[in-house]
Amino acid sequence: MAKALMLVPPLLFAGLAATFFLGMQRENPDELPSALAGKPAPAVQLTGMTGAAPFTDATLREPGVKLVNYWASWCAPCRVEAPTLEKLAAEGVAIHGVNYKDKPENAQAFLAELGNPYATMGADPNGRMALDWGVYGVPETYVIDGEGRIILRFPGPVTERTLQETIRPAMEKAAAPTN
């Protein structure tokens, strides 16, 4: 029995080492995978925001490619991505905003200062919807196809570089006809 117990630590170490090794073999080891990619987006359950068209579940299921962007006024990277989101909105890309765990007055001040790229918007004051979507933190942006399926989850600010290298290719994939 004692000899069998002596094998436990090396076996545990070997299993842990194999797990780390396999994790490092991913294309981008820093990327947080999404269990929802290719699946229907979870339901939209938000509180309305003053002066904003409501982001509803029906909006999410409408035809066409759309982005869902989780943001907050207290989020410094959200300020970084604001100009890029404004650019996308000016191009006619439908961006739906989810204000995450924020005070309404702070959210309104953020939008007044940096602009409002959102076609529709709602607040997730307790983070319940974010949990359903698998949000790790803000900002996070999801590319959704015309059938309401998640094509891409992108954690972090949408910059010009990530727009060209990651977001736009996912939008093209979302717009492609499915067979």
C-alpha atoms as a PDB file:
ATOM      1  CA  MET A   1       0.000   0.000   0.000  1.00  0.00           C
ATOM      2  CA  ALA A   2       2.805   2.425   0.896  1.00  0.00           C
ATOM      3  CA  LYS A   3       4.545   1.752  -2.440  1.00  0.00           C
ATOM      4  CA  ALA A   4       1.293   2.522  -4.292  1.00  0.00           C
ATOM      5  CA  LEU A   5       0.963   5.840  -2.436  1.00  0.00           C
ATOM      6  CA  MET A   6       4.511   6.764  -3.478  1.00  0.00           C
ATOM      7  CA  LEU A   7       3.360   6.663  -7.109  1.00  0.00           C
ATOM      8  CA  VAL A   8       0.611   9.256  -6.586  1.00  0.00           C
ATOM      9  CA  PRO A   9       2.816  12.419  -6.592  1.00  0.00           C
ATOM     10  CA  PRO A  10       4.724  11.535  -9.786  1.00  0.00           C
ATOM     11  CA  LEU A  11       1.487  10.550 -11.529  1.00  0.00           C
ATOM     12  CA  LEU A  12      -0.189  13.796 -10.479  1.00  0.00           C
ATOM     13  CA  PHE A  13       2.817  15.759 -11.682  1.00  0.00           C
ATOM     14  CA  ALA A  14       2.808  13.929 -15.038  1.00  0.00           C
ATOM     15  CA  GLY A  15      -0.920  14.640 -15.491  1.00  0.00           C
ATOM     16  CA  LEU A  16      -0.476  18.313 -14.666  1.00  0.00           C
ATOM     17  CA  ALA A  17       2.527  18.610 -16.989  1.00  0.00           C
ATOM     18  CA  ALA A  18       0.534  16.980 -19.820  1.00  0.00           C
ATOM     19  CA  THR A  19      -2.345  19.408 -19.249  1.00  0.00           C
ATOM     20  CA  PHE A  20      -0.012  22.415 -19.389  1.00  0.00           C
ATOM     21  CA  PHE A  21       1.711  21.060 -22.484  1.00  0.00           C
ATOM     22  CA  LEU A  22      -1.565  20.540 -24.332  1.00  0.00           C
ATOM     23  CA  GLY A  23      -2.755  24.009 -23.316  1.00  0.00           C
ATOM     24  CA  MET A  24       0.402  25.559 -24.762  1.00  0.00           C
ATOM     25  CA  GLN A  25      -0.172  23.831 -28.103  1.00  0.00           C
ATOM     26  CA  ARG A  26      -3.237  25.960 -28.854  1.00  0.00           C
ATOM     27  CA  GLU A  27      -2.873  28.485 -31.672  1.00  0.00           C
ATOM     28  CA  ASN A  28      -3.001  31.372 -29.184  1.00  0.00           C
ATOM     29  CA  PRO A  29      -2.222  30.140 -25.651  1.00  0.00           C
ATOM     30  CA  ASP A  30      -3.233  33.506 -24.146  1.00  0.00           C
ATOM     31  CA  GLU A  31      -6.722  33.351 -25.660  1.00  0.00           C
ATOM     32  CA  LEU A  32      -9.583  32.426 -23.369  1.00  0.00           C
ATOM     33  CA  PRO A  33     -11.736  29.912 -25.234  1.00  0.00           C
ATOM     34  CA  SER A  34     -15.489  30.358 -25.461  1.00  0.00           C
ATOM     35  CA  ALA A  35     -17.739  27.391 -24.857  1.00  0.00           C
ATOM     36  CA  LEU A  36     -20.500  29.250 -26.716  1.00  0.00           C
ATOM     37  CA  ALA A  37     -18.794  29.678 -30.108  1.00  0.00           C
ATOM     38  CA  GLY A  38     -21.068  28.295 -32.820  1.00  0.00           C
ATOM     39  CA  LYS A  39     -24.019  28.070 -30.437  1.00  0.00           C
ATOM     40  CA  PRO A  40     -27.070  30.325 -30.078  1.00  0.00           C
ATOM     41  CA  ALA A  41     -26.355  33.368 -27.956  1.00  0.00           C
ATOM     42  CA  PRO A  42     -27.939  33.242 -24.489  1.00  0.00           C
ATOM     43  CA  ALA A  43     -31.087  35.263 -23.878  1.00  0.00           C
ATOM     44  CA  VAL A  44     -30.866  39.028 -23.523  1.00  0.00           C
ATOM     45  CA  GLN A  45     -32.220  40.129 -20.145  1.00  0.00           C
ATOM     46  CA  LEU A  46     -31.370  43.757 -19.487  1.00  0.00           C
ATOM     47  CA  THR A  47     -32.649  46.824 -17.696  1.00  0.00           C
ATOM     48  CA  GLY A  48     -33.474  49.773 -19.952  1.00  0.00           C
ATOM     49  CA  MET A  49     -31.207  52.797 -20.112  1.00  0.00           C
ATOM     50  CA  THR A  50     -32.512  56.354 -20.295  1.00  0.00           C
ATOM     51  CA  GLY A  51     -32.555  57.715 -23.833  1.00  0.00           C
ATOM     52  CA  ALA A  52     -31.429  54.455 -25.442  1.00  0.00           C
ATOM     53  CA  ALA A  53     -33.289  52.125 -27.759  1.00  0.00           C
ATOM     54  CA  PRO A  54     -33.665  48.874 -25.796  1.00  0.00           C
ATOM     55  CA  PHE A  55     -31.463  45.893 -26.586  1.00  0.00           C
ATOM     56  CA  THR A  56     -33.815  42.921 -26.450  1.00  0.00           C
ATOM     57  CA  ASP A  57     -33.667  39.242 -27.236  1.00  0.00           C
ATOM     58  CA  ALA A  58     -35.718  39.921 -30.396  1.00  0.00           C
ATOM     59  CA  THR A  59     -33.051  42.425 -31.520  1.00  0.00           C
ATOM     60  CA  LEU A  60     -30.366  39.790 -31.088  1.00  0.00           C
ATOM     61  CA  ARG A  61     -32.253  37.297 -33.266  1.00  0.00           C
ATOM     62  CA  GLU A  62     -32.863  39.750 -36.147  1.00  0.00           C
ATOM     63  CA  PRO A  63     -31.180  38.994 -39.495  1.00  0.00           C
ATOM     64  CA  GLY A  64     -27.739  40.402 -40.166  1.00  0.00           C
ATOM     65  CA  VAL A  65     -24.337  40.455 -38.544  1.00  0.00           C
ATOM     66  CA  LYS A  66     -24.136  42.323 -35.278  1.00  0.00           C
ATOM     67  CA  LEU A  67     -21.756  42.977 -32.432  1.00  0.00           C
ATOM     68  CA  VAL A  68     -22.578  42.774 -28.737  1.00  0.00           C
ATOM     69  CA  ASN A  69     -20.195  44.849 -26.651  1.00  0.00           C
ATOM     70  CA  TYR A  70     -19.956  44.638 -22.854  1.00  0.00           C
ATOM     71  CA  TRP A  71     -18.596  47.897 -21.408  1.00  0.00           C
ATOM     72  CA  ALA A  72     -18.530  50.060 -18.274  1.00  0.00           C
ATOM     73  CA  SER A  73     -17.650  53.653 -17.417  1.00  0.00           C
ATOM     74  CA  TRP A  74     -15.083  52.473 -14.847  1.00  0.00           C
ATOM     75  CA  CYS A  75     -13.269  50.365 -17.455  1.00  0.00           C
ATOM     76  CA  ALA A  76     -10.107  52.051 -18.795  1.00  0.00           C
ATOM     77  CA  PRO A  77      -9.775  49.716 -21.832  1.00  0.00           C
ATOM     78  CA  CYS A  78     -13.374  50.628 -22.747  1.00  0.00           C
ATOM     79  CA  ARG A  79     -12.132  54.187 -23.289  1.00  0.00           C
ATOM     80  CA  VAL A  80      -9.396  52.823 -25.570  1.00  0.00           C
ATOM     81  CA  GLU A  81     -11.879  51.000 -27.793  1.00  0.00           C
ATOM     82  CA  ALA A  82     -14.439  53.840 -27.986  1.00  0.00           C
ATOM     83  CA  PRO A  83     -13.024  55.473 -31.165  1.00  0.00           C
ATOM     84  CA  THR A  84     -12.870  52.118 -32.977  1.00  0.00           C
ATOM     85  CA  LEU A  85     -16.470  51.320 -32.036  1.00  0.00           C
ATOM     86  CA  GLU A  86     -17.519  54.792 -33.222  1.00  0.00           C
ATOM     87  CA  LYS A  87     -15.812  54.074 -36.550  1.00  0.00           C
ATOM     88  CA  LEU A  88     -17.650  50.767 -36.916  1.00  0.00           C
ATOM     89  CA  ALA A  89     -20.990  52.378 -36.075  1.00  0.00           C
ATOM     90  CA  ALA A  90     -20.337  55.088 -38.694  1.00  0.00           C
ATOM     91  CA  GLU A  91     -19.838  52.287 -41.235  1.00  0.00           C
ATOM     92  CA  GLY A  92     -23.312  51.007 -40.388  1.00  0.00           C
ATOM     93  CA  VAL A  93     -22.287  48.035 -38.230  1.00  0.00           C
ATOM     94  CA  ALA A  94     -25.007  47.246 -35.688  1.00  0.00           C
ATOM     95  CA  ILE A  95     -23.420  47.352 -32.233  1.00  0.00           C
ATOM     96  CA  HIS A  96     -25.536  46.500 -29.219  1.00  0.00           C
ATOM     97  CA  GLY A  97     -24.182  47.667 -25.880  1.00  0.00           C
ATOM     98  CA  VAL A  98     -24.415  45.995 -22.505  1.00  0.00           C
ATOM     99  CA  ASN A  99     -23.485  48.338 -19.675  1.00  0.00           C
ATOM    100  CA  TYR A 100     -21.918  46.044 -17.074  1.00  0.00           C
ATOM    101  CA  LYS A 101     -22.219  46.601 -13.295  1.00  0.00           C
ATOM    102  CA  ASP A 102     -22.261  50.361 -13.646  1.00  0.00           C
ATOM    103  CA  LYS A 103     -24.103  53.322 -12.163  1.00  0.00           C
ATOM    104  CA  PRO A 104     -26.583  54.806 -14.677  1.00  0.00           C
ATOM    105  CA  GLU A 105     -25.295  58.360 -14.232  1.00  0.00           C
ATOM    106  CA  ASN A 106     -21.684  57.250 -14.802  1.00  0.00           C
ATOM    107  CA  ALA A 107     -22.680  55.314 -17.926  1.00  0.00           C
ATOM    108  CA  GLN A 108     -24.478  58.358 -19.337  1.00  0.00           C
ATOM    109  CA  ALA A 109     -21.464  60.603 -18.615  1.00  0.00           C
ATOM    110  CA  PHE A 110     -19.142  58.095 -20.337  1.00  0.00           C
ATOM    111  CA  LEU A 111     -21.301  58.115 -23.484  1.00  0.00           C
ATOM    112  CA  ALA A 112     -21.643  61.915 -23.426  1.00  0.00           C
ATOM    113  CA  GLU A 113     -17.855  62.256 -23.270  1.00  0.00           C
ATOM    114  CA  LEU A 114     -16.744  59.539 -25.709  1.00  0.00           C
ATOM    115  CA  GLY A 115     -19.759  59.117 -27.988  1.00  0.00           C
ATOM    116  CA  ASN A 116     -22.423  56.470 -28.283  1.00  0.00           C
ATOM    117  CA  PRO A 117     -21.760  53.827 -30.960  1.00  0.00           C
ATOM    118  CA  TYR A 118     -24.663  51.625 -29.854  1.00  0.00           C
ATOM    119  CA  ALA A 119     -27.749  51.013 -31.982  1.00  0.00           C
ATOM    120  CA  THR A 120     -29.446  49.589 -28.882  1.00  0.00           C
ATOM    121  CA  MET A 121     -28.374  49.304 -25.290  1.00  0.00           C
ATOM    122  CA  GLY A 122     -29.273  47.936 -21.894  1.00  0.00           C
ATOM    123  CA  ALA A 123     -27.816  47.653 -18.423  1.00  0.00           C
ATOM    124  CA  ASP A 124     -26.706  44.492 -16.640  1.00  0.00           C
ATOM    125  CA  PRO A 125     -26.409  45.982 -13.145  1.00  0.00           C
ATOM    126  CA  ASN A 126     -25.841  42.679 -11.318  1.00  0.00           C
ATOM    127  CA  GLY A 127     -23.870  40.928 -14.064  1.00  0.00           C
ATOM    128  CA  ARG A 128     -26.428  38.110 -14.436  1.00  0.00           C
ATOM    129  CA  MET A 129     -26.550  38.214 -18.240  1.00  0.00           C
ATOM    130  CA  ALA A 130     -22.761  38.459 -18.386  1.00  0.00           C
ATOM    131  CA  LEU A 131     -22.514  35.215 -16.407  1.00  0.00           C
ATOM    132  CA  ASP A 132     -24.803  33.483 -18.912  1.00  0.00           C
ATOM    133  CA  TRP A 133     -22.614  34.738 -21.768  1.00  0.00           C
ATOM    134  CA  GLY A 134     -19.360  33.691 -20.075  1.00  0.00           C
ATOM    135  CA  VAL A 135     -17.981  37.212 -19.752  1.00  0.00           C
ATOM    136  CA  TYR A 136     -14.654  37.303 -17.908  1.00  0.00           C
ATOM    137  CA  GLY A 137     -14.414  41.103 -17.740  1.00  0.00           C
ATOM    138  CA  VAL A 138     -14.997  44.244 -19.744  1.00  0.00           C
ATOM    139  CA  PRO A 139     -14.625  45.081 -22.486  1.00  0.00           C
ATOM    140  CA  GLU A 140     -15.729  41.972 -24.334  1.00  0.00           C
ATOM    141  CA  THR A 141     -17.189  41.893 -27.801  1.00  0.00           C
ATOM    142  CA  TYR A 142     -19.169  39.132 -29.468  1.00  0.00           C
ATOM    143  CA  VAL A 143     -19.739  38.735 -33.211  1.00  0.00           C
ATOM    144  CA  ILE A 144     -23.224  37.327 -33.792  1.00  0.00           C
ATOM    145  CA  ASP A 145     -24.541  35.980 -37.101  1.00  0.00           C
ATOM    146  CA  GLY A 146     -28.013  36.528 -38.578  1.00  0.00           C
ATOM    147  CA  GLU A 147     -29.365  33.462 -36.812  1.00  0.00           C
ATOM    148  CA  GLY A 148     -28.296  34.662 -33.370  1.00  0.00           C
ATOM    149  CA  ARG A 149     -25.260  32.346 -33.099  1.00  0.00           C
ATOM    150  CA  ILE A 150     -21.999  33.424 -31.506  1.00  0.00           C
ATOM    151  CA  ILE A 151     -19.224  33.393 -34.104  1.00  0.00           C
ATOM    152  CA  LEU A 152     -16.521  35.007 -31.975  1.00  0.00           C
ATOM    153  CA  ARG A 153     -15.920  36.125 -28.413  1.00  0.00           C
ATOM    154  CA  PHE A 154     -13.189  38.741 -28.215  1.00  0.00           C
ATOM    155  CA  PRO A 155     -11.942  39.732 -24.747  1.00  0.00           C
ATOM    156  CA  GLY A 156     -10.228  43.103 -24.440  1.00  0.00           C
ATOM    157  CA  PRO A 157     -10.494  46.403 -26.262  1.00  0.00           C
ATOM    158  CA  VAL A 158     -11.293  46.472 -29.965  1.00  0.00           C
ATOM    159  CA  THR A 159      -8.377  48.377 -31.455  1.00  0.00           C
ATOM    160  CA  GLU A 160      -7.671  49.075 -35.111  1.00  0.00           C
ATOM    161  CA  ARG A 161      -5.345  46.076 -35.202  1.00  0.00           C
ATOM    162  CA  THR A 162      -7.793  43.632 -33.611  1.00  0.00           C
ATOM    163  CA  LEU A 163     -10.545  45.025 -35.797  1.00  0.00           C
ATOM    164  CA  GLN A 164      -8.581  44.124 -38.947  1.00  0.00           C
ATOM    165  CA  GLU A 165      -7.075  40.845 -37.741  1.00  0.00           C
ATOM    166  CA  THR A 166      -9.906  39.359 -35.674  1.00  0.00           C
ATOM    167  CA  ILE A 167     -13.248  41.182 -35.702  1.00  0.00           C
ATOM    168  CA  ARG A 168     -13.659  41.844 -39.441  1.00  0.00           C
ATOM    169  CA  PRO A 169     -12.758  38.246 -40.435  1.00  0.00           C
ATOM    170  CA  ALA A 170     -15.318  36.983 -37.906  1.00  0.00           C
ATOM    171  CA  MET A 171     -17.900  39.400 -39.311  1.00  0.00           C
ATOM    172  CA  GLU A 172     -17.211  38.062 -42.819  1.00  0.00           C
ATOM    173  CA  LYS A 173     -17.654  34.520 -41.538  1.00  0.00           C
ATOM    174  CA  ALA A 174     -20.914  35.529 -39.847  1.00  0.00           C
ATOM    175  CA  ALA A 175     -22.178  37.079 -43.093  1.00  0.00           C
ATOM    176  CA  ALA A 176     -21.299  34.032 -45.199  1.00  0.00           C
ATOM    177  CA  PRO A 177     -24.266  31.847 -46.155  1.00  0.00           C
ATOM    178  CA  THR A 178     -24.539  28.633 -44.173  1.00  0.00           C
ATOM    179  CA  ASN A 179     -25.015  25.367 -45.990  1.00  0.00           C
END
